[in-house]
C-alpha cells in the first residue's frame, strides 16, 4: 500500500517513516471540506483516493483502511508536510 501511495506522489519516505505530500494533503482538505459523507465508508474513501489518482481505485479494502488509519494518525500528530517534487 505504501508503494502505491509513493508511486502516485501521495507520500514521501523519510528517515523515521513516511509523510503525506503537500499536494495530497491539499487535495484531501479540499475534497473533505466539500463532502464529509464520502469519508464515512471505505467505498467512499476509495472514490476520494481515486479522484486523486485513478490507479488508487484498485486498493483493497484493507489497504484503504490502512490508509485511513495513517491519515488519522498523521493529521493528529504530525505537524510538517513533505513539499512536492523532491
N, C-alpha and C. Protein backbone atom coordinates (compact mmCIF):
# COMPACT_ATOMS: atom_id res chain seq x y z
N UNK A 1 0.81 -1.17 0.00
CA UNK A 1 0.00 0.00 0.00
C UNK A 1 0.87 1.26 0.00
N UNK A 2 1.91 1.26 0.82
CA UNK A 2 2.81 2.42 0.85
C UNK A 2 3.43 2.64 -0.52
N UNK A 3 3.84 1.57 -1.18
CA UNK A 3 4.44 1.70 -2.52
C UNK A 3 3.45 2.31 -3.50
N UNK A 4 2.19 1.94 -3.40
CA UNK A 4 1.18 2.51 -4.30
C UNK A 4 1.01 4.00 -4.04
N UNK A 5 1.04 4.39 -2.78
CA UNK A 5 0.95 5.81 -2.45
C UNK A 5 2.20 6.56 -2.88
N UNK A 6 3.37 5.91 -2.79
CA UNK A 6 4.62 6.52 -3.27
C UNK A 6 4.57 6.74 -4.78
N UNK A 7 4.06 5.75 -5.51
CA UNK A 7 4.00 5.84 -6.97
C UNK A 7 3.18 7.02 -7.47
N UNK A 8 2.15 7.40 -6.72
CA UNK A 8 1.28 8.50 -7.16
C UNK A 8 1.63 9.80 -6.44
N UNK A 9 2.79 9.82 -5.76
CA UNK A 9 3.29 11.01 -5.05
C UNK A 9 2.34 11.50 -3.96
N UNK A 10 1.65 10.59 -3.30
CA UNK A 10 0.80 10.97 -2.17
C UNK A 10 1.61 10.98 -0.88
N UNK A 11 2.66 10.17 -0.83
CA UNK A 11 3.53 10.13 0.35
C UNK A 11 4.99 10.20 -0.08
N UNK A 12 5.82 10.49 0.90
CA UNK A 12 7.26 10.51 0.68
C UNK A 12 7.90 9.78 1.85
N UNK A 13 8.91 8.97 1.57
CA UNK A 13 9.64 8.27 2.64
C UNK A 13 10.57 9.25 3.34
N UNK A 14 10.63 9.09 4.64
CA UNK A 14 11.55 9.86 5.47
C UNK A 14 12.36 8.89 6.30
N UNK A 15 13.34 9.39 7.04
CA UNK A 15 14.17 8.53 7.89
C UNK A 15 13.32 7.76 8.90
N UNK A 16 12.35 8.42 9.47
CA UNK A 16 11.54 7.80 10.53
C UNK A 16 10.16 7.40 10.05
N UNK A 17 9.98 7.15 8.78
CA UNK A 17 8.67 6.72 8.29
C UNK A 17 8.28 7.43 7.01
N UNK A 18 7.00 7.74 6.91
CA UNK A 18 6.50 8.43 5.72
C UNK A 18 5.77 9.69 6.14
N UNK A 19 5.59 10.58 5.18
CA UNK A 19 4.76 11.76 5.39
C UNK A 19 3.98 12.01 4.12
N UNK A 20 2.82 12.61 4.27
CA UNK A 20 1.98 12.91 3.11
C UNK A 20 2.48 14.19 2.45
N UNK A 21 2.39 14.25 1.13
CA UNK A 21 2.87 15.42 0.38
C UNK A 21 1.88 16.57 0.50
N UNK A 22 2.38 17.76 0.20
CA UNK A 22 1.55 18.96 0.25
C UNK A 22 0.37 18.83 -0.71
N UNK A 23 0.62 18.37 -1.92
CA UNK A 23 -0.47 18.30 -2.90
C UNK A 23 -1.54 17.29 -2.47
N UNK A 24 -1.15 16.16 -1.89
CA UNK A 24 -2.12 15.18 -1.44
C UNK A 24 -2.92 15.72 -0.26
N UNK A 25 -2.22 16.35 0.67
CA UNK A 25 -2.91 16.94 1.82
C UNK A 25 -3.89 18.02 1.37
N UNK A 26 -3.47 18.88 0.47
CA UNK A 26 -4.35 19.93 -0.04
C UNK A 26 -5.56 19.34 -0.75
N UNK A 27 -5.30 18.32 -1.56
CA UNK A 27 -6.39 17.64 -2.25
C UNK A 27 -7.42 17.11 -1.24
N UNK A 28 -6.93 16.44 -0.21
CA UNK A 28 -7.83 15.88 0.80
C UNK A 28 -8.62 16.97 1.51
N UNK A 29 -7.95 18.03 1.90
CA UNK A 29 -8.63 19.11 2.61
C UNK A 29 -9.75 19.70 1.75
N UNK A 30 -9.47 19.95 0.50
CA UNK A 30 -10.49 20.49 -0.41
C UNK A 30 -11.62 19.50 -0.61
N UNK A 31 -11.27 18.24 -0.81
CA UNK A 31 -12.26 17.21 -1.06
C UNK A 31 -13.15 16.97 0.15
N UNK A 32 -12.55 16.89 1.32
CA UNK A 32 -13.32 16.61 2.53
C UNK A 32 -14.11 17.81 3.01
N UNK A 33 -13.61 18.98 2.76
CA UNK A 33 -14.32 20.20 3.15
C UNK A 33 -15.69 20.27 2.47
N UNK A 34 -15.74 19.78 1.25
CA UNK A 34 -16.99 19.85 0.50
C UNK A 34 -17.97 18.74 0.80
N UNK A 35 -17.47 17.57 1.24
CA UNK A 35 -18.39 16.45 1.41
C UNK A 35 -17.79 15.41 2.36
N UNK A 36 -18.12 15.51 3.63
CA UNK A 36 -17.62 14.55 4.61
C UNK A 36 -18.36 13.22 4.53
N UNK A 37 -19.49 13.18 3.87
CA UNK A 37 -20.28 11.96 3.77
C UNK A 37 -19.48 10.84 3.11
N UNK A 38 -18.71 11.18 2.08
CA UNK A 38 -17.89 10.17 1.40
C UNK A 38 -16.92 9.49 2.35
N UNK A 39 -16.40 10.24 3.30
CA UNK A 39 -15.36 9.73 4.19
C UNK A 39 -15.91 8.81 5.28
N UNK A 40 -17.19 8.54 5.27
CA UNK A 40 -17.79 7.70 6.30
C UNK A 40 -17.69 6.21 6.01
N UNK A 41 -17.35 5.84 4.77
CA UNK A 41 -17.27 4.43 4.40
C UNK A 41 -15.97 4.15 3.65
N UNK A 42 -15.57 2.90 3.64
CA UNK A 42 -14.38 2.52 2.88
C UNK A 42 -14.60 2.76 1.38
N UNK A 43 -15.80 2.48 0.91
CA UNK A 43 -16.09 2.70 -0.51
C UNK A 43 -16.01 4.19 -0.86
N UNK A 44 -16.47 5.03 0.06
CA UNK A 44 -16.35 6.47 -0.14
C UNK A 44 -14.90 6.90 -0.21
N UNK A 45 -14.07 6.32 0.68
CA UNK A 45 -12.63 6.61 0.64
C UNK A 45 -12.01 6.12 -0.65
N UNK A 46 -12.49 5.00 -1.18
CA UNK A 46 -11.97 4.50 -2.46
C UNK A 46 -12.17 5.56 -3.55
N UNK A 47 -13.34 6.19 -3.56
CA UNK A 47 -13.62 7.21 -4.58
C UNK A 47 -12.82 8.48 -4.33
N UNK A 48 -12.65 8.86 -3.08
CA UNK A 48 -11.83 10.03 -2.76
C UNK A 48 -10.40 9.80 -3.25
N UNK A 49 -9.83 8.65 -2.90
CA UNK A 49 -8.45 8.35 -3.30
C UNK A 49 -8.31 8.23 -4.81
N UNK A 50 -9.31 7.65 -5.46
CA UNK A 50 -9.21 7.52 -6.92
C UNK A 50 -9.40 8.86 -7.62
N UNK A 51 -10.05 9.81 -6.95
CA UNK A 51 -10.13 11.16 -7.52
C UNK A 51 -8.74 11.81 -7.51
N UNK A 52 -7.90 11.44 -6.55
CA UNK A 52 -6.53 11.96 -6.53
C UNK A 52 -5.71 11.32 -7.65
N UNK A 53 -5.82 10.00 -7.77
CA UNK A 53 -5.12 9.30 -8.85
C UNK A 53 -5.93 8.05 -9.20
N UNK A 54 -6.22 7.90 -10.47
CA UNK A 54 -7.10 6.81 -10.92
C UNK A 54 -6.63 5.43 -10.49
N UNK A 55 -5.32 5.22 -10.36
CA UNK A 55 -4.82 3.89 -10.01
C UNK A 55 -5.19 3.47 -8.59
N UNK A 56 -5.54 4.42 -7.74
CA UNK A 56 -5.87 4.08 -6.36
C UNK A 56 -7.25 3.42 -6.23
N UNK A 57 -8.01 3.38 -7.30
CA UNK A 57 -9.30 2.68 -7.29
C UNK A 57 -9.09 1.20 -7.03
N UNK A 58 -7.90 0.69 -7.33
CA UNK A 58 -7.63 -0.75 -7.19
C UNK A 58 -7.19 -1.14 -5.78
N UNK A 59 -7.09 -0.19 -4.85
CA UNK A 59 -6.71 -0.54 -3.49
C UNK A 59 -7.74 -1.48 -2.88
N UNK A 60 -7.27 -2.46 -2.14
CA UNK A 60 -8.18 -3.37 -1.45
C UNK A 60 -8.81 -2.66 -0.25
N UNK A 61 -9.85 -3.26 0.31
CA UNK A 61 -10.50 -2.70 1.49
C UNK A 61 -9.48 -2.56 2.63
N UNK A 62 -8.60 -3.53 2.77
CA UNK A 62 -7.58 -3.48 3.82
C UNK A 62 -6.61 -2.33 3.59
N UNK A 63 -6.22 -2.12 2.34
CA UNK A 63 -5.30 -1.02 2.01
C UNK A 63 -5.96 0.33 2.24
N UNK A 64 -7.22 0.44 1.90
CA UNK A 64 -7.95 1.69 2.14
C UNK A 64 -8.05 1.95 3.63
N UNK A 65 -8.40 0.91 4.37
CA UNK A 65 -8.50 1.05 5.82
C UNK A 65 -7.17 1.46 6.43
N UNK A 66 -6.08 0.87 5.97
CA UNK A 66 -4.75 1.23 6.47
C UNK A 66 -4.40 2.67 6.11
N UNK A 67 -4.77 3.10 4.92
CA UNK A 67 -4.52 4.47 4.51
C UNK A 67 -5.28 5.45 5.40
N UNK A 68 -6.52 5.14 5.70
CA UNK A 68 -7.34 5.99 6.57
C UNK A 68 -6.73 6.06 7.98
N UNK A 69 -6.24 4.94 8.49
CA UNK A 69 -5.60 4.94 9.80
C UNK A 69 -4.35 5.82 9.77
N UNK A 70 -3.55 5.70 8.72
CA UNK A 70 -2.35 6.54 8.60
C UNK A 70 -2.72 8.02 8.53
N UNK A 71 -3.74 8.33 7.76
CA UNK A 71 -4.19 9.72 7.64
C UNK A 71 -4.66 10.26 8.99
N UNK A 72 -5.41 9.45 9.71
CA UNK A 72 -5.90 9.87 11.02
C UNK A 72 -4.73 10.17 11.95
N UNK A 73 -3.78 9.25 12.00
CA UNK A 73 -2.60 9.46 12.84
C UNK A 73 -1.84 10.71 12.39
N UNK A 74 -1.64 10.81 11.12
CA UNK A 74 -0.88 11.94 10.55
C UNK A 74 -1.51 13.27 10.93
N UNK A 75 -2.81 13.39 10.72
CA UNK A 75 -3.47 14.67 10.99
C UNK A 75 -3.54 14.98 12.48
N UNK A 76 -3.44 13.98 13.32
CA UNK A 76 -3.46 14.23 14.77
C UNK A 76 -2.08 14.48 15.37
N UNK A 77 -1.01 13.96 14.73
CA UNK A 77 0.30 14.00 15.37
C UNK A 77 1.41 14.70 14.60
N UNK A 78 1.34 14.76 13.32
CA UNK A 78 2.44 15.29 12.53
C UNK A 78 2.15 16.73 12.13
N UNK A 79 3.15 17.56 12.30
CA UNK A 79 2.97 18.99 12.02
C UNK A 79 3.49 19.42 10.65
N UNK A 80 4.42 18.65 10.07
CA UNK A 80 5.03 19.07 8.82
C UNK A 80 4.53 18.20 7.67
N UNK A 81 4.58 18.76 6.48
CA UNK A 81 4.25 18.01 5.27
C UNK A 81 5.47 18.03 4.36
N UNK A 82 5.51 17.08 3.46
CA UNK A 82 6.63 16.99 2.52
C UNK A 82 6.31 17.84 1.30
N UNK A 83 7.20 18.75 0.93
CA UNK A 83 6.99 19.51 -0.29
C UNK A 83 7.01 18.57 -1.49
N UNK A 84 6.23 18.89 -2.49
CA UNK A 84 6.19 18.06 -3.70
C UNK A 84 7.46 18.22 -4.49
N UNK A 85 7.80 17.18 -5.25
CA UNK A 85 8.87 17.26 -6.22
C UNK A 85 10.28 17.11 -5.68
N UNK A 86 10.42 16.47 -4.56
CA UNK A 86 11.77 16.26 -4.06
C UNK A 86 12.42 15.10 -4.71
